[in-house]
C-alpha atoms as a PDB file:
ATOM      1  CA  MET A   1      -1.884   7.952  -8.660  1.00  0.00           C
ATOM      2  CA  ASN A   2       1.609   9.399  -8.881  1.00  0.00           C
ATOM      3  CA  GLU A   3       0.913  12.112  -6.399  1.00  0.00           C
ATOM      4  CA  VAL A   4      -0.395   9.516  -3.870  1.00  0.00           C
ATOM      5  CA  LEU A   5       2.701   7.228  -4.577  1.00  0.00           C
ATOM      6  CA  ASN A   6       5.015  10.165  -4.022  1.00  0.00           C
ATOM      7  CA  TYR A   7       3.216  11.215  -0.831  1.00  0.00           C
ATOM      8  CA  LEU A   8       3.356   7.734   0.716  1.00  0.00           C
ATOM      9  CA  LYS A   9       7.025   7.373  -0.219  1.00  0.00           C
ATOM     10  CA  SER A  10       7.797  10.761   1.528  1.00  0.00           C
ATOM     11  CA  CYS A  11       6.048   9.439   4.653  1.00  0.00           C
ATOM     12  CA  GLY A  12       8.561   6.546   4.980  1.00  0.00           C
ATOM     13  CA  THR A  13       6.288   4.658   7.211  1.00  0.00           C
ATOM     14  CA  PHE A  14       2.560   4.635   6.605  1.00  0.00           C
ATOM     15  CA  TYR A  15      -0.175   2.560   8.194  1.00  0.00           C
ATOM     16  CA  LEU A  16      -2.445  -0.065   6.545  1.00  0.00           C
ATOM     17  CA  ALA A  17      -5.854  -1.004   8.148  1.00  0.00           C
ATOM     18  CA  THR A  18      -7.594  -4.191   7.379  1.00  0.00           C
ATOM     19  CA  ALA A  19     -10.542  -5.966   8.943  1.00  0.00           C
ATOM     20  CA  GLU A  20     -11.066  -9.487  10.350  1.00  0.00           C
ATOM     21  CA  GLY A  21     -14.675 -10.012  11.379  1.00  0.00           C
ATOM     22  CA  ASP A  22     -15.681  -6.905  13.293  1.00  0.00           C
ATOM     23  CA  GLN A  23     -12.152  -6.079  14.397  1.00  0.00           C
ATOM     24  CA  PRO A  24      -9.913  -3.567  12.599  1.00  0.00           C
ATOM     25  CA  HIS A  25      -6.136  -4.293  12.389  1.00  0.00           C
ATOM     26  CA  VAL A  26      -3.549  -1.611  11.746  1.00  0.00           C
ATOM     27  CA  ARG A  27       0.185  -2.114  11.012  1.00  0.00           C
ATOM     28  CA  PRO A  28       3.154  -0.114   9.596  1.00  0.00           C
ATOM     29  CA  PHE A  29       4.123  -0.482   5.964  1.00  0.00           C
ATOM     30  CA  GLY A  30       6.775   1.302   4.048  1.00  0.00           C
ATOM     31  CA  ALA A  31       7.217  -0.176   0.525  1.00  0.00           C
ATOM     32  CA  VAL A  32       5.002   1.004  -2.370  1.00  0.00           C
ATOM     33  CA  CYS A  33       5.648   1.249  -6.105  1.00  0.00           C
ATOM     34  CA  GLY A  34       3.904   2.330  -9.282  1.00  0.00           C
ATOM     35  CA  PHE A  35       3.529  -0.343 -11.982  1.00  0.00           C
ATOM     36  CA  GLU A  36       1.415  -0.047 -15.165  1.00  0.00           C
ATOM     37  CA  GLY A  37      -0.380   2.934 -13.801  1.00  0.00           C
ATOM     38  CA  LYS A  38      -1.395   1.305 -10.537  1.00  0.00           C
ATOM     39  CA  LEU A  39      -0.213   1.774  -6.933  1.00  0.00           C
ATOM     40  CA  TYR A  40       1.161  -1.541  -5.475  1.00  0.00           C
ATOM     41  CA  LEU A  41       1.821  -2.734  -1.842  1.00  0.00           C
ATOM     42  CA  VAL A  42       3.799  -5.749  -0.862  1.00  0.00           C
ATOM     43  CA  THR A  43       3.522  -8.316   1.960  1.00  0.00           C
ATOM     44  CA  ASN A  44       4.356 -11.881   2.923  1.00  0.00           C
ATOM     45  CA  ASN A  45       1.624 -14.453   2.038  1.00  0.00           C
ATOM     46  CA  GLN A  46       2.223 -16.135   5.512  1.00  0.00           C
ATOM     47  CA  LYS A  47       1.128 -13.081   7.442  1.00  0.00           C
ATOM     48  CA  LYS A  48      -2.421 -12.381   8.777  1.00  0.00           C
ATOM     49  CA  VAL A  49      -2.520  -9.076   6.852  1.00  0.00           C
ATOM     50  CA  TYR A  50      -2.372 -11.055   3.596  1.00  0.00           C
ATOM     51  CA  ALA A  51      -5.181 -13.387   4.580  1.00  0.00           C
ATOM     52  CA  GLN A  52      -7.221 -10.363   5.813  1.00  0.00           C
ATOM     53  CA  MET A  53      -6.858  -8.568   2.474  1.00  0.00           C
ATOM     54  CA  ASP A  54      -7.649 -11.779   0.632  1.00  0.00           C
ATOM     55  CA  ASN A  55     -10.802 -12.230   2.612  1.00  0.00           C
ATOM     56  CA  ILE A  56     -11.985  -8.554   2.880  1.00  0.00           C
ATOM     57  CA  PRO A  57     -10.113  -6.656   0.245  1.00  0.00           C
ATOM     58  CA  LYS A  58     -11.284  -3.163   1.571  1.00  0.00           C
ATOM     59  CA  ILE A  59      -8.402  -1.413   3.142  1.00  0.00           C
ATOM     60  CA  GLU A  60      -7.467   2.020   4.381  1.00  0.00           C
ATOM     61  CA  ILE A  61      -4.032   3.599   4.450  1.00  0.00           C
ATOM     62  CA  CYS A  62      -2.986   6.532   6.578  1.00  0.00           C
ATOM     63  CA  GLY A  63       0.266   8.466   6.667  1.00  0.00           C
ATOM     64  CA  MET A  64       1.627  11.882   7.690  1.00  0.00           C
ATOM     65  CA  HIS A  65       4.296  14.170   6.166  1.00  0.00           C
ATOM     66  CA  LYS A  66       5.213  17.779   7.016  1.00  0.00           C
ATOM     67  CA  GLY A  67       1.937  18.783   8.773  1.00  0.00           C
ATOM     68  CA  THR A  68      -0.346  17.067   6.187  1.00  0.00           C
ATOM     69  CA  TRP A  69      -1.782  13.642   6.248  1.00  0.00           C
ATOM     70  CA  ILE A  70      -3.335  11.223   3.773  1.00  0.00           C
ATOM     71  CA  ARG A  71      -6.082   8.682   4.012  1.00  0.00           C
ATOM     72  CA  VAL A  72      -6.519   6.222   1.192  1.00  0.00           C
ATOM     73  CA  GLN A  73      -9.597   3.995   0.833  1.00  0.00           C
ATOM     74  CA  ALA A  74      -9.302   1.213  -1.726  1.00  0.00           C
ATOM     75  CA  GLU A  75      -9.656  -2.463  -2.555  1.00  0.00           C
ATOM     76  CA  ALA A  76      -6.421  -4.548  -2.511  1.00  0.00           C
ATOM     77  CA  VAL A  77      -6.256  -6.806  -5.556  1.00  0.00           C
ATOM     78  CA  HIS A  78      -3.631  -9.655  -5.769  1.00  0.00           C
ATOM     79  CA  ASP A  79      -1.375  -9.667  -8.734  1.00  0.00           C
ATOM     80  CA  SER A  80       0.519 -12.951  -9.209  1.00  0.00           C
ATOM     81  CA  ARG A  81       2.611 -11.781 -12.139  1.00  0.00           C
ATOM     82  CA  ARG A  82       6.422 -12.003 -11.747  1.00  0.00           C
ATOM     83  CA  GLU A  83       6.745  -8.650 -13.526  1.00  0.00           C
ATOM     84  CA  ALA A  84       4.742  -6.924 -10.755  1.00  0.00           C
ATOM     85  CA  ARG A  85       7.039  -8.471  -8.074  1.00  0.00           C
ATOM     86  CA  ILE A  86      10.142  -7.449 -10.040  1.00  0.00           C
ATOM     87  CA  ALA A  87       8.827  -3.803 -10.270  1.00  0.00           C
ATOM     88  CA  MET A  88       8.280  -3.728  -6.490  1.00  0.00           C
ATOM     89  CA  MET A  89      11.635  -5.185  -5.677  1.00  0.00           C
ATOM     90  CA  GLU A  90      13.477  -2.802  -8.055  1.00  0.00           C
ATOM     91  CA  ASP A  91      11.781   0.174  -6.592  1.00  0.00           C
ATOM     92  CA  ASN A  92      12.352  -0.919  -2.973  1.00  0.00           C
ATOM     93  CA  LYS A  93      15.629  -2.768  -2.985  1.00  0.00           C
ATOM     94  CA  ALA A  94      17.017  -1.255   0.151  1.00  0.00           C
ATOM     95  CA  SER A  95      13.937  -2.183   2.292  1.00  0.00           C
ATOM     96  CA  LEU A  96      12.912  -5.435   0.668  1.00  0.00           C
ATOM     97  CA  SER A  97      16.055  -7.319  -0.353  1.00  0.00           C
ATOM     98  CA  SER A  98      16.709  -8.607   3.197  1.00  0.00           C
ATOM     99  CA  MET A  99      13.199 -10.025   3.397  1.00  0.00           C
ATOM    100  CA  TYR A 100      12.156 -11.172  -0.062  1.00  0.00           C
ATOM    101  CA  THR A 101      13.294 -12.399  -3.467  1.00  0.00           C
ATOM    102  CA  VAL A 102      11.075 -12.229  -6.538  1.00  0.00           C
ATOM    103  CA  ASP A 103      10.697 -16.078  -6.708  1.00  0.00           C
ATOM    104  CA  ASP A 104      10.652 -17.004  -2.961  1.00  0.00           C
ATOM    105  CA  ASN A 105       6.932 -17.920  -2.910  1.00  0.00           C
ATOM    106  CA  LEU A 106       6.474 -15.572   0.009  1.00  0.00           C
ATOM    107  CA  MET A 107       6.437 -12.049  -1.617  1.00  0.00           C
ATOM    108  CA  GLU A 108       3.001 -11.040  -2.713  1.00  0.00           C
ATOM    109  CA  VAL A 109       2.142  -7.737  -4.500  1.00  0.00           C
ATOM    110  CA  LEU A 110      -1.386  -6.224  -4.467  1.00  0.00           C
ATOM    111  CA  TYR A 111      -2.558  -3.145  -6.359  1.00  0.00           C
ATOM    112  CA  LEU A 112      -5.167  -0.621  -5.211  1.00  0.00           C
ATOM    113  CA  LYS A 113      -8.451  -0.560  -7.148  1.00  0.00           C
ATOM    114  CA  ASN A 114     -11.300   1.955  -6.791  1.00  0.00           C
ATOM    115  CA  ALA A 115      -9.038   4.104  -4.725  1.00  0.00           C
ATOM    116  CA  THR A 116      -9.817   7.539  -3.157  1.00  0.00           C
ATOM    117  CA  ALA A 117      -7.063   9.380  -1.480  1.00  0.00           C
ATOM    118  CA  THR A 118      -7.676  12.505   0.553  1.00  0.00           C
ATOM    119  CA  ILE A 119      -4.807  14.801   1.588  1.00  0.00           C
ATOM    120  CA  TYR A 120      -5.669  16.866   4.621  1.00  0.00           C
ATOM    121  CA  SER A 121      -4.079  19.940   6.197  1.00  0.00           C
ATOM    122  CA  PHE A 122      -4.983  22.255   9.051  1.00  0.00           C
ATOM    123  CA  THR A 123      -4.526  25.232   6.865  1.00  0.00           C
ATOM    124  CA  SER A 124      -6.316  24.330   3.613  1.00  0.00           C
ATOM    125  CA  GLU A 125      -9.140  22.392   2.177  1.00  0.00           C
ATOM    126  CA  PRO A 126      -8.810  18.607   1.640  1.00  0.00           C
ATOM    127  CA  LYS A 127      -7.582  17.494  -1.705  1.00  0.00           C
ATOM    128  CA  VAL A 128      -9.340  14.448  -3.079  1.00  0.00           C
ATOM    129  CA  ILE A 129      -7.637  12.119  -5.701  1.00  0.00           C
ATOM    130  CA  THR A 130      -9.314   9.154  -7.243  1.00  0.00           C
ATOM    131  CA  PHE A 131      -7.600   6.358  -9.144  1.00  0.00           C
END
């Protein structure tokens, strides 16, 4: 999990895909954190992306860094604990503090379950990481 976390952080911006009916939706994300051995994402509970993950929790993430790219397939699981929101905020203060506070009733954190990440390169075999 830590290798995937560090890779996504090195990307800066990565892309999260969700589904609504038979239509995929992709948008940029940038904040991730590790908490209790799990990889966490954050979003606003008023956004369509949150409703889409709540309805169909299967997601994919894609990012690129220095000539390699990663694809992560997982299930997004809501975590309502304040401690998880605190961990996310502490690890991403610069990017999140202008959008959220821990107790604003907007900030939602989700961890990845049954995740498989594959790191690809044009020059070597894919590396598969499950967590």
